[in-house]
C-alpha atoms as a PDB file:
ATOM      1  CA  MET A   1     100.450 -12.139 359.218  1.00  0.00           C
ATOM      2  CA  SER A   2      98.228 -10.141 356.861  1.00  0.00           C
ATOM      3  CA  ILE A   3      97.031  -6.571 357.365  1.00  0.00           C
ATOM      4  CA  VAL A   4      93.556  -7.896 358.144  1.00  0.00           C
ATOM      5  CA  GLU A   5      94.862 -10.378 360.729  1.00  0.00           C
ATOM      6  CA  SER A   6      97.080  -7.805 362.440  1.00  0.00           C
ATOM      7  CA  GLU A   7      94.250  -5.305 362.733  1.00  0.00           C
ATOM      8  CA  LEU A   8      91.866  -7.956 364.021  1.00  0.00           C
ATOM      9  CA  GLU A   9      94.269  -8.673 366.897  1.00  0.00           C
ATOM     10  CA  THR A  10      92.864  -5.510 368.467  1.00  0.00           C
ATOM     11  CA  LEU A  11      89.514  -7.257 368.818  1.00  0.00           C
ATOM     12  CA  VAL A  12      90.467  -9.128 372.009  1.00  0.00           C
ATOM     13  CA  GLY A  13      87.831  -8.466 374.626  1.00  0.00           C
ATOM     14  CA  VAL A  14      85.346  -6.994 372.150  1.00  0.00           C
ATOM     15  CA  ASN A  15      82.087  -8.925 372.270  1.00  0.00           C
ATOM     16  CA  GLU A  16      79.586  -6.811 370.370  1.00  0.00           C
ATOM     17  CA  SER A  17      79.074  -8.209 366.867  1.00  0.00           C
ATOM     18  CA  ASN A  18      78.463  -4.778 365.340  1.00  0.00           C
ATOM     19  CA  GLU A  19      81.787  -3.508 366.715  1.00  0.00           C
ATOM     20  CA  LEU A  20      83.530  -6.571 365.306  1.00  0.00           C
ATOM     21  CA  GLU A  21      81.923  -5.939 361.935  1.00  0.00           C
ATOM     22  CA  VAL A  22      83.020  -2.293 361.856  1.00  0.00           C
ATOM     23  CA  LEU A  23      86.589  -3.208 362.760  1.00  0.00           C
ATOM     24  CA  ASN A  24      86.627  -6.000 360.183  1.00  0.00           C
ATOM     25  CA  ASN A  25      85.316  -3.612 357.527  1.00  0.00           C
ATOM     26  CA  ASN A  26      87.993  -1.058 358.378  1.00  0.00           C
ATOM     27  CA  ALA A  27      90.716  -3.702 358.202  1.00  0.00           C
ATOM     28  CA  LEU A  28      89.497  -4.915 354.809  1.00  0.00           C
ATOM     29  CA  GLU A  29      89.295  -1.348 353.520  1.00  0.00           C
ATOM     30  CA  ASN A  30      92.863  -0.619 354.638  1.00  0.00           C
ATOM     31  CA  GLU A  31      94.135  -3.786 352.964  1.00  0.00           C
ATOM     32  CA  ALA A  32      92.386  -2.941 349.679  1.00  0.00           C
ATOM     33  CA  ILE A  33      93.719   0.630 349.708  1.00  0.00           C
ATOM     34  CA  TYR A  34      97.237  -0.692 350.338  1.00  0.00           C
ATOM     35  CA  ILE A  35      96.900  -3.055 347.351  1.00  0.00           C
ATOM     36  CA  LEU A  36      95.622  -0.289 345.054  1.00  0.00           C
ATOM     37  CA  ARG A  37      98.527   1.956 346.023  1.00  0.00           C
ATOM     38  CA  GLU A  38     100.948  -0.903 345.355  1.00  0.00           C
ATOM     39  CA  VAL A  39      99.449  -1.250 341.877  1.00  0.00           C
ATOM     40  CA  ALA A  40      99.979   2.451 341.172  1.00  0.00           C
ATOM     41  CA  ALA A  41     103.560   2.226 342.448  1.00  0.00           C
ATOM     42  CA  GLN A  42     104.633  -1.001 340.728  1.00  0.00           C
ATOM     43  CA  PHE A  43     102.954  -0.885 337.322  1.00  0.00           C
ATOM     44  CA  GLU A  44     103.220   1.494 334.383  1.00  0.00           C
ATOM     45  CA  LYS A  45      99.769   1.051 332.796  1.00  0.00           C
ATOM     46  CA  PRO A  46      97.132  -0.359 335.142  1.00  0.00           C
ATOM     47  CA  VAL A  47      93.406  -0.384 334.399  1.00  0.00           C
ATOM     48  CA  LEU A  48      90.360  -1.055 336.573  1.00  0.00           C
ATOM     49  CA  LEU A  49      87.960  -3.572 335.026  1.00  0.00           C
ATOM     50  CA  PHE A  50      84.504  -2.080 335.552  1.00  0.00           C
ATOM     51  CA  SER A  51      81.252  -3.941 334.932  1.00  0.00           C
ATOM     52  CA  GLY A  52      78.818  -1.651 336.739  1.00  0.00           C
ATOM     53  CA  GLY A  53      78.248  -4.351 339.365  1.00  0.00           C
ATOM     54  CA  LYS A  54      78.493  -3.887 343.123  1.00  0.00           C
ATOM     55  CA  ASP A  55      82.045  -5.263 343.421  1.00  0.00           C
ATOM     56  CA  SER A  56      83.555  -3.006 340.756  1.00  0.00           C
ATOM     57  CA  ILE A  57      81.594  -0.041 342.158  1.00  0.00           C
ATOM     58  CA  THR A  58      83.110  -0.813 345.564  1.00  0.00           C
ATOM     59  CA  LEU A  59      86.559  -0.897 343.922  1.00  0.00           C
ATOM     60  CA  VAL A  60      85.967   2.562 342.464  1.00  0.00           C
ATOM     61  CA  ARG A  61      85.100   3.937 345.926  1.00  0.00           C
ATOM     62  CA  LEU A  62      88.230   2.327 347.372  1.00  0.00           C
ATOM     63  CA  ALA A  63      90.341   3.811 344.564  1.00  0.00           C
ATOM     64  CA  GLN A  64      88.867   7.244 345.281  1.00  0.00           C
ATOM     65  CA  LYS A  65      89.910   6.910 348.915  1.00  0.00           C
ATOM     66  CA  ALA A  66      93.325   5.474 348.067  1.00  0.00           C
ATOM     67  CA  PHE A  67      94.366   8.479 345.970  1.00  0.00           C
ATOM     68  CA  TYR A  68      92.307  11.339 347.403  1.00  0.00           C
ATOM     69  CA  PRO A  69      92.537  14.320 346.862  1.00  0.00           C
ATOM     70  CA  ALA A  70      93.996  13.357 343.456  1.00  0.00           C
ATOM     71  CA  LYS A  71      91.867  11.653 340.832  1.00  0.00           C
ATOM     72  CA  ILE A  72      91.981   7.913 340.254  1.00  0.00           C
ATOM     73  CA  PRO A  73      95.289   7.512 338.342  1.00  0.00           C
ATOM     74  CA  PHE A  74      94.140   4.824 335.917  1.00  0.00           C
ATOM     75  CA  PRO A  75      91.218   4.407 333.507  1.00  0.00           C
ATOM     76  CA  LEU A  76      88.194   2.161 333.884  1.00  0.00           C
ATOM     77  CA  MET A  77      87.498  -0.449 331.217  1.00  0.00           C
ATOM     78  CA  HIS A  78      84.272  -2.307 330.478  1.00  0.00           C
ATOM     79  CA  ILE A  79      84.152  -5.361 328.233  1.00  0.00           C
ATOM     80  CA  ASP A  80      80.591  -4.989 326.958  1.00  0.00           C
ATOM     81  CA  THR A  81      78.934  -8.197 325.779  1.00  0.00           C
ATOM     82  CA  GLY A  82      75.901  -6.362 324.419  1.00  0.00           C
ATOM     83  CA  HIS A  83      73.765  -8.492 326.750  1.00  0.00           C
ATOM     84  CA  ASN A  84      74.147  -6.389 329.887  1.00  0.00           C
ATOM     85  CA  PHE A  85      71.146  -5.299 331.915  1.00  0.00           C
ATOM     86  CA  PRO A  86      70.068  -1.811 330.738  1.00  0.00           C
ATOM     87  CA  GLU A  87      70.019  -0.621 334.357  1.00  0.00           C
ATOM     88  CA  THR A  88      73.699  -1.525 334.712  1.00  0.00           C
ATOM     89  CA  ILE A  89      74.792   0.315 331.562  1.00  0.00           C
ATOM     90  CA  ALA A  90      72.810   3.422 332.550  1.00  0.00           C
ATOM     91  CA  PHE A  91      74.410   3.361 335.995  1.00  0.00           C
ATOM     92  CA  ARG A  92      77.891   2.870 334.499  1.00  0.00           C
ATOM     93  CA  ASP A  93      77.567   5.949 332.304  1.00  0.00           C
ATOM     94  CA  LYS A  94      76.111   8.033 335.133  1.00  0.00           C
ATOM     95  CA  LEU A  95      78.912   7.128 337.565  1.00  0.00           C
ATOM     96  CA  VAL A  96      81.700   7.778 335.056  1.00  0.00           C
ATOM     97  CA  LYS A  97      80.235  11.189 334.229  1.00  0.00           C
ATOM     98  CA  GLU A  98      79.956  12.124 337.913  1.00  0.00           C
ATOM     99  CA  LEU A  99      83.536  11.053 338.693  1.00  0.00           C
ATOM    100  CA  GLY A 100      85.098  12.502 335.558  1.00  0.00           C
ATOM    101  CA  VAL A 101      87.218   9.395 334.992  1.00  0.00           C
ATOM    102  CA  GLU A 102      88.225   7.866 331.667  1.00  0.00           C
ATOM    103  CA  LEU A 103      86.098   4.914 330.543  1.00  0.00           C
ATOM    104  CA  ILE A 104      87.294   2.533 327.841  1.00  0.00           C
ATOM    105  CA  VAL A 105      84.617   0.293 326.311  1.00  0.00           C
ATOM    106  CA  ARG A 106      85.395  -2.657 324.083  1.00  0.00           C
ATOM    107  CA  ASN A 107      82.563  -4.712 322.589  1.00  0.00           C
ATOM    108  CA  VAL A 108      82.219  -8.463 322.203  1.00  0.00           C
ATOM    109  CA  GLN A 109      80.082  -7.801 319.128  1.00  0.00           C
ATOM    110  CA  ASP A 110      83.181  -6.421 317.388  1.00  0.00           C
ATOM    111  CA  SER A 111      85.050  -9.663 318.114  1.00  0.00           C
ATOM    112  CA  ILE A 112      82.121 -11.601 316.637  1.00  0.00           C
ATOM    113  CA  ASP A 113      81.982  -9.376 313.548  1.00  0.00           C
ATOM    114  CA  GLN A 114      85.735  -9.802 313.015  1.00  0.00           C
ATOM    115  CA  GLY A 115      85.393 -13.592 313.117  1.00  0.00           C
ATOM    116  CA  LYS A 116      87.565 -13.949 316.225  1.00  0.00           C
ATOM    117  CA  VAL A 117      84.816 -15.711 318.193  1.00  0.00           C
ATOM    118  CA  VAL A 118      81.645 -17.559 317.267  1.00  0.00           C
ATOM    119  CA  GLU A 119      78.380 -16.775 319.015  1.00  0.00           C
ATOM    120  CA  GLU A 120      76.728 -19.664 320.825  1.00  0.00           C
ATOM    121  CA  THR A 121      73.239 -20.877 319.972  1.00  0.00           C
ATOM    122  CA  GLY A 122      70.575 -22.725 321.950  1.00  0.00           C
ATOM    123  CA  LYS A 123      68.581 -22.030 325.078  1.00  0.00           C
ATOM    124  CA  TYR A 124      71.676 -21.768 327.306  1.00  0.00           C
ATOM    125  CA  SER A 125      73.726 -19.668 324.884  1.00  0.00           C
ATOM    126  CA  SER A 126      75.774 -16.871 326.432  1.00  0.00           C
ATOM    127  CA  ARG A 127      78.453 -14.390 325.452  1.00  0.00           C
ATOM    128  CA  ASN A 128      80.156 -14.698 328.824  1.00  0.00           C
ATOM    129  CA  MET A 129      83.057 -16.861 327.625  1.00  0.00           C
ATOM    130  CA  LEU A 130      83.470 -14.732 324.503  1.00  0.00           C
ATOM    131  CA  GLN A 131      84.558 -11.796 326.678  1.00  0.00           C
ATOM    132  CA  THR A 132      87.987 -13.386 327.110  1.00  0.00           C
ATOM    133  CA  THR A 133      89.077 -12.702 323.523  1.00  0.00           C
ATOM    134  CA  THR A 134      87.829  -9.105 323.654  1.00  0.00           C
ATOM    135  CA  LEU A 135      89.593  -8.552 326.980  1.00  0.00           C
ATOM    136  CA  LEU A 136      92.918  -9.967 325.790  1.00  0.00           C
ATOM    137  CA  ASP A 137      92.740  -7.875 322.619  1.00  0.00           C
ATOM    138  CA  ALA A 138      92.130  -4.742 324.710  1.00  0.00           C
ATOM    139  CA  ILE A 139      95.070  -5.546 326.999  1.00  0.00           C
ATOM    140  CA  GLU A 140      97.288  -5.878 323.931  1.00  0.00           C
ATOM    141  CA  GLU A 141      95.863  -2.728 322.311  1.00  0.00           C
ATOM    142  CA  PHE A 142      96.547  -0.493 325.311  1.00  0.00           C
ATOM    143  CA  LYS A 143      99.585  -2.408 326.648  1.00  0.00           C
ATOM    144  CA  PHE A 144      98.056  -2.714 330.114  1.00  0.00           C
ATOM    145  CA  ASP A 145     100.388  -4.479 332.539  1.00  0.00           C
ATOM    146  CA  ALA A 146      97.903  -4.767 335.432  1.00  0.00           C
ATOM    147  CA  CYS A 147      94.136  -5.286 335.365  1.00  0.00           C
ATOM    148  CA  ILE A 148      92.329  -4.616 338.642  1.00  0.00           C
ATOM    149  CA  GLY A 149      89.243  -6.776 339.175  1.00  0.00           C
ATOM    150  CA  GLY A 150      86.564  -7.270 341.803  1.00  0.00           C
ATOM    151  CA  ALA A 151      86.775 -11.066 342.147  1.00  0.00           C
ATOM    152  CA  ARG A 152      86.507 -12.482 345.669  1.00  0.00           C
ATOM    153  CA  ARG A 153      87.698 -15.802 347.081  1.00  0.00           C
ATOM    154  CA  ASP A 154      84.333 -16.623 348.661  1.00  0.00           C
ATOM    155  CA  GLU A 155      82.579 -16.618 345.274  1.00  0.00           C
ATOM    156  CA  GLU A 156      83.937 -19.792 343.713  1.00  0.00           C
ATOM    157  CA  LYS A 157      86.573 -22.436 344.415  1.00  0.00           C
ATOM    158  CA  ALA A 158      88.789 -21.471 341.454  1.00  0.00           C
ATOM    159  CA  ARG A 159      88.897 -17.881 342.698  1.00  0.00           C
ATOM    160  CA  ALA A 160      89.731 -19.114 346.199  1.00  0.00           C
ATOM    161  CA  LYS A 161      93.029 -20.513 344.856  1.00  0.00           C
ATOM    162  CA  GLU A 162      94.155 -17.374 343.073  1.00  0.00           C
ATOM    163  CA  ARG A 163      96.675 -14.868 344.467  1.00  0.00           C
ATOM    164  CA  ILE A 164      95.975 -11.148 344.937  1.00  0.00           C
ATOM    165  CA  PHE A 165      98.680 -10.416 342.327  1.00  0.00           C
ATOM    166  CA  SER A 166      97.886 -13.126 339.770  1.00  0.00           C
ATOM    167  CA  VAL A 167     100.439 -13.366 336.965  1.00  0.00           C
ATOM    168  CA  ARG A 168      99.143 -14.245 333.490  1.00  0.00           C
ATOM    169  CA  ASP A 169     101.358 -15.429 330.641  1.00  0.00           C
ATOM    170  CA  ASP A 170     101.754 -14.021 327.117  1.00  0.00           C
ATOM    171  CA  PHE A 171      98.361 -15.499 326.193  1.00  0.00           C
ATOM    172  CA  GLY A 172      96.574 -14.193 329.301  1.00  0.00           C
ATOM    173  CA  GLN A 173      96.430 -17.676 330.772  1.00  0.00           C
ATOM    174  CA  TRP A 174      96.530 -18.506 334.478  1.00  0.00           C
ATOM    175  CA  ASP A 175      98.443 -21.524 335.779  1.00  0.00           C
ATOM    176  CA  GLU A 176      97.109 -22.436 339.221  1.00  0.00           C
ATOM    177  CA  LYS A 177     100.104 -24.744 339.796  1.00  0.00           C
ATOM    178  CA  ASN A 178     102.646 -21.988 339.222  1.00  0.00           C
ATOM    179  CA  GLN A 179     101.739 -19.124 341.553  1.00  0.00           C
ATOM    180  CA  ARG A 180     103.973 -16.828 343.566  1.00  0.00           C
ATOM    181  CA  PRO A 181     103.929 -16.891 347.370  1.00  0.00           C
ATOM    182  CA  GLU A 182     102.461 -13.799 349.027  1.00  0.00           C
ATOM    183  CA  LEU A 183     104.004 -13.707 352.489  1.00  0.00           C
ATOM    184  CA  PHE A 184     103.822 -10.826 354.957  1.00  0.00           C
ATOM    185  CA  ASP A 185     101.794  -8.704 352.498  1.00  0.00           C
ATOM    186  CA  MET A 186     104.726  -8.607 350.073  1.00  0.00           C
ATOM    187  CA  LEU A 187     103.152  -8.158 346.638  1.00  0.00           C
ATOM    188  CA  ASN A 188     105.549  -8.884 343.784  1.00  0.00           C
ATOM    189  CA  GLY A 189     104.650  -7.074 340.570  1.00  0.00           C
ATOM    190  CA  GLN A 190     107.788  -8.027 338.651  1.00  0.00           C
ATOM    191  CA  ILE A 191     106.803  -9.471 335.283  1.00  0.00           C
ATOM    192  CA  GLU A 192     108.487 -10.433 332.032  1.00  0.00           C
ATOM    193  CA  LEU A 193     107.784  -8.865 328.657  1.00  0.00           C
ATOM    194  CA  GLY A 194     104.347  -9.927 327.443  1.00  0.00           C
ATOM    195  CA  GLN A 195     103.040 -10.945 330.847  1.00  0.00           C
ATOM    196  CA  ASN A 196     100.417  -9.030 332.795  1.00  0.00           C
ATOM    197  CA  VAL A 197      98.950  -9.235 336.267  1.00  0.00           C
ATOM    198  CA  ARG A 198      95.347  -9.485 337.408  1.00  0.00           C
ATOM    199  CA  VAL A 199      94.959  -7.760 340.760  1.00  0.00           C
ATOM    200  CA  PHE A 200      92.157  -8.508 343.239  1.00  0.00           C
ATOM    201  CA  PRO A 201      92.072  -5.921 346.071  1.00  0.00           C
ATOM    202  CA  ILE A 202      88.857  -7.291 347.618  1.00  0.00           C
ATOM    203  CA  SER A 203      89.885 -10.931 347.313  1.00  0.00           C
ATOM    204  CA  ASN A 204      89.506 -11.444 351.081  1.00  0.00           C
ATOM    205  CA  TRP A 205      86.038  -9.874 351.263  1.00  0.00           C
ATOM    206  CA  THR A 206      82.757 -11.788 351.397  1.00  0.00           C
ATOM    207  CA  GLU A 207      79.442 -10.834 349.811  1.00  0.00           C
ATOM    208  CA  LEU A 208      78.300  -9.629 353.237  1.00  0.00           C
ATOM    209  CA  ASP A 209      81.475  -7.542 353.649  1.00  0.00           C
ATOM    210  CA  VAL A 210      80.779  -5.802 350.332  1.00  0.00           C
ATOM    211  CA  TRP A 211      77.194  -5.010 351.257  1.00  0.00           C
ATOM    212  CA  SER A 212      78.178  -3.852 354.750  1.00  0.00           C
ATOM    213  CA  TYR A 213      80.711  -1.511 353.142  1.00  0.00           C
ATOM    214  CA  ILE A 214      78.118  -0.219 350.677  1.00  0.00           C
ATOM    215  CA  GLN A 215      75.831   0.426 353.637  1.00  0.00           C
ATOM    216  CA  LYS A 216      78.524   2.185 355.666  1.00  0.00           C
ATOM    217  CA  GLU A 217      79.726   4.331 352.765  1.00  0.00           C
ATOM    218  CA  GLN A 218      76.191   4.939 351.426  1.00  0.00           C
ATOM    219  CA  ILE A 219      77.327   3.929 347.942  1.00  0.00           C
ATOM    220  CA  GLU A 220      74.754   4.136 345.173  1.00  0.00           C
ATOM    221  CA  ILE A 221      74.340   0.925 343.146  1.00  0.00           C
ATOM    222  CA  PRO A 222      72.091  -0.178 340.246  1.00  0.00           C
ATOM    223  CA  SER A 223      68.413  -0.647 341.047  1.00  0.00           C
ATOM    224  CA  ILE A 224      68.322  -4.313 339.970  1.00  0.00           C
ATOM    225  CA  TYR A 225      70.162  -5.273 343.172  1.00  0.00           C
ATOM    226  CA  PHE A 226      66.967  -4.378 345.053  1.00  0.00           C
ATOM    227  CA  ALA A 227      63.577  -6.082 345.008  1.00  0.00           C
ATOM    228  CA  HIS A 228      61.322  -4.934 342.181  1.00  0.00           C
ATOM    229  CA  LYS A 229      58.472  -6.274 340.080  1.00  0.00           C
ATOM    230  CA  ARG A 230      59.750  -7.973 336.947  1.00  0.00           C
ATOM    231  CA  LYS A 231      58.369 -10.277 334.292  1.00  0.00           C
ATOM    232  CA  ILE A 232      60.094 -13.622 334.729  1.00  0.00           C
ATOM    233  CA  PHE A 233      59.854 -17.277 333.746  1.00  0.00           C
ATOM    234  CA  LEU A 234      61.123 -20.433 335.413  1.00  0.00           C
ATOM    235  CA  ARG A 235      63.533 -22.936 333.886  1.00  0.00           C
ATOM    236  CA  ASP A 236      65.420 -25.747 335.623  1.00  0.00           C
ATOM    237  CA  GLY A 237      64.838 -24.159 339.024  1.00  0.00           C
ATOM    238  CA  PHE A 238      66.214 -20.758 337.962  1.00  0.00           C
ATOM    239  CA  ILE A 239      64.348 -17.463 337.618  1.00  0.00           C
ATOM    240  CA  TRP A 240      65.009 -15.788 334.274  1.00  0.00           C
ATOM    241  CA  SER A 241      64.144 -12.255 333.203  1.00  0.00           C
ATOM    242  CA  ALA A 242      61.499 -12.126 330.472  1.00  0.00           C
ATOM    243  CA  GLU A 243      61.778  -8.392 329.841  1.00  0.00           C
ATOM    244  CA  ASP A 244      64.144  -8.609 326.888  1.00  0.00           C
ATOM    245  CA  ASP A 245      64.796 -10.695 323.788  1.00  0.00           C
ATOM    246  CA  VAL A 246      68.298 -11.798 324.826  1.00  0.00           C
ATOM    247  CA  VAL A 247      67.235 -14.849 326.840  1.00  0.00           C
ATOM    248  CA  PHE A 248      65.734 -17.683 324.820  1.00  0.00           C
ATOM    249  CA  ARG A 249      62.273 -18.680 326.070  1.00  0.00           C
ATOM    250  CA  ALA A 250      60.311 -21.685 324.848  1.00  0.00           C
ATOM    251  CA  GLU A 251      56.608 -21.335 324.080  1.00  0.00           C
ATOM    252  CA  ASP A 252      55.629 -23.495 327.054  1.00  0.00           C
ATOM    253  CA  GLU A 253      57.660 -21.409 329.529  1.00  0.00           C
ATOM    254  CA  LYS A 254      55.025 -19.240 331.181  1.00  0.00           C
ATOM    255  CA  VAL A 255      55.740 -15.577 331.926  1.00  0.00           C
ATOM    256  CA  GLU A 256      54.620 -14.180 335.275  1.00  0.00           C
ATOM    257  CA  GLU A 257      55.326 -11.059 337.304  1.00  0.00           C
ATOM    258  CA  ARG A 258      57.082 -11.493 340.653  1.00  0.00           C
ATOM    259  CA  MET A 259      59.081  -9.509 343.186  1.00  0.00           C
ATOM    260  CA  VAL A 260      62.728 -10.361 342.525  1.00  0.00           C
ATOM    261  CA  ARG A 261      66.223  -8.959 342.742  1.00  0.00           C
ATOM    262  CA  PHE A 262      69.631  -9.922 341.365  1.00  0.00           C
ATOM    263  CA  ARG A 263      72.409 -10.888 343.798  1.00  0.00           C
ATOM    264  CA  THR A 264      75.042 -10.860 341.072  1.00  0.00           C
ATOM    265  CA  VAL A 265      74.980  -8.924 337.819  1.00  0.00           C
ATOM    266  CA  GLY A 266      76.403 -10.617 334.757  1.00  0.00           C
ATOM    267  CA  ASP A 267      74.902 -10.992 331.312  1.00  0.00           C
ATOM    268  CA  MET A 268      71.128 -11.277 331.091  1.00  0.00           C
ATOM    269  CA  SER A 269      71.707 -14.606 329.348  1.00  0.00           C
ATOM    270  CA  CYS A 270      73.562 -16.225 332.269  1.00  0.00           C
ATOM    271  CA  THR A 271      72.269 -14.469 335.397  1.00  0.00           C
ATOM    272  CA  SER A 272      69.130 -15.553 337.223  1.00  0.00           C
ATOM    273  CA  ALA A 273      67.156 -13.636 339.834  1.00  0.00           C
ATOM    274  CA  VAL A 274      66.063 -14.561 343.356  1.00  0.00           C
ATOM    275  CA  LEU A 275      62.653 -14.034 344.932  1.00  0.00           C
ATOM    276  CA  SER A 276      63.002 -11.158 347.365  1.00  0.00           C
ATOM    277  CA  HIS A 277      61.278  -8.273 349.119  1.00  0.00           C
ATOM    278  CA  ALA A 278      64.588  -6.631 350.109  1.00  0.00           C
ATOM    279  CA  ASP A 279      64.187  -3.151 348.641  1.00  0.00           C
ATOM    280  CA  THR A 280      66.742  -1.331 350.816  1.00  0.00           C
ATOM    281  CA  ILE A 281      70.412  -1.898 351.632  1.00  0.00           C
ATOM    282  CA  GLU A 282      69.494  -2.751 355.224  1.00  0.00           C
ATOM    283  CA  LYS A 283      67.042  -5.428 354.084  1.00  0.00           C
ATOM    284  CA  VAL A 284      69.549  -6.865 351.600  1.00  0.00           C
ATOM    285  CA  VAL A 285      72.176  -7.155 354.355  1.00  0.00           C
ATOM    286  CA  GLY A 286      69.635  -8.960 356.539  1.00  0.00           C
ATOM    287  CA  GLU A 287      68.688 -11.278 353.687  1.00  0.00           C
ATOM    288  CA  ILE A 288      72.325 -12.198 352.984  1.00  0.00           C
ATOM    289  CA  ARG A 289      72.910 -13.018 356.655  1.00  0.00           C
ATOM    290  CA  GLU A 290      70.121 -15.597 356.471  1.00  0.00           C
ATOM    291  CA  SER A 291      70.970 -16.992 353.028  1.00  0.00           C
ATOM    292  CA  LYS A 292      72.308 -20.538 352.730  1.00  0.00           C
ATOM    293  CA  ILE A 293      72.990 -20.275 348.985  1.00  0.00           C
ATOM    294  CA  SER A 294      76.118 -18.805 347.398  1.00  0.00           C
ATOM    295  CA  GLU A 295      75.682 -15.608 345.414  1.00  0.00           C
ATOM    296  CA  ARG A 296      77.130 -17.288 342.315  1.00  0.00           C
ATOM    297  CA  GLY A 297      74.518 -19.994 342.672  1.00  0.00           C
ATOM    298  CA  ALA A 298      72.507 -17.687 340.409  1.00  0.00           C
ATOM    299  CA  ARG A 299      75.171 -17.680 337.666  1.00  0.00           C
ATOM    300  CA  ILE A 300      74.294 -20.226 335.002  1.00  0.00           C
ATOM    301  CA  ASP A 301      77.745 -19.985 333.383  1.00  0.00           C
ATOM    302  CA  ASP A 302      79.247 -21.580 336.509  1.00  0.00           C
ATOM    303  CA  LYS A 303      76.939 -24.610 336.158  1.00  0.00           C
ATOM    304  CA  ARG A 304      78.343 -25.882 332.852  1.00  0.00           C
ATOM    305  CA  SER A 305      80.821 -28.105 334.678  1.00  0.00           C
ATOM    306  CA  GLU A 306      82.439 -28.526 338.091  1.00  0.00           C
ATOM    307  CA  ALA A 307      85.513 -26.669 336.807  1.00  0.00           C
ATOM    308  CA  ALA A 308      83.761 -24.101 334.585  1.00  0.00           C
ATOM    309  CA  MET A 309      85.308 -21.041 336.245  1.00  0.00           C
ATOM    310  CA  GLU A 310      88.788 -22.570 336.459  1.00  0.00           C
ATOM    311  CA  LYS A 311      88.757 -23.454 332.755  1.00  0.00           C
ATOM    312  CA  ARG A 312      87.707 -19.911 331.834  1.00  0.00           C
ATOM    313  CA  LYS A 313      90.492 -18.469 333.977  1.00  0.00           C
ATOM    314  CA  GLN A 314      93.066 -20.746 332.369  1.00  0.00           C
ATOM    315  CA  GLN A 315      91.986 -19.307 329.023  1.00  0.00           C
ATOM    316  CA  GLY A 316      92.407 -15.691 330.147  1.00  0.00           C
ATOM    317  CA  TYR A 317      89.052 -14.881 331.774  1.00  0.00           C
ATOM    318  CA  PHE A 318      88.770 -12.148 334.417  1.00  0.00           C
END
């Protein structure tokens, strides 16, 4: 029985949905804090992978709580593709400065310049897959043995199969057929020389859980998560930002201004927006409750094939 399940046993006789939600949020928070403390106890050089998105921001808050009153005992690391939303980068720098934590940045452009990866071309080109090489090089450079990420099982079927402590081989690869059992909350961080572990403390959370936690904790997040006027164009049923020169736009793709927001924040080249008037956390929570589309339905990089995410993970992706 997991920490979440054991805590939810106390819900017998409780009928109010808001009370259930609070108790569920508390149980998820306790589980995540337990996992983060296990990382600090079992590994010599962990790092928190930080993108400036809502999930990694939530991880930072959980890490603050896990080790308070001490500082977060590991650095943050961002693999910067050079195609991030400007709002996300500005927020990243602001948060790091406020917290006084170490931020390591490694750039995909450097991997391109060194000839380690080749940039894609065409209207669906993206640097998303190229991050893998930059990430693996950074892990080798700093000898990190655990990388903490904000992936969740509800996002995508490949992530649903992955353990909380996910062992990667010497090449950073994940083998979904060779995973360790995780019974009774026993997290095994024993690894061989050259291996490392990807750790997912909010693996059992949903998109709604994350937003409910942001609402409860009053966590500040980048402005692009909220409805705002933006120049966009439509392609293949997706809403693309037209406010930069990163995304290829054909001459016949008409630019218009609409009220949109971003449910997930990846590269500008692979992340589409959704029409929305949700300009507060409360409205976003309400919108998610009514949504029938997955949050990663707006990620173009997941549409390349049925197994796009799984293939990227097998190659060393986050």
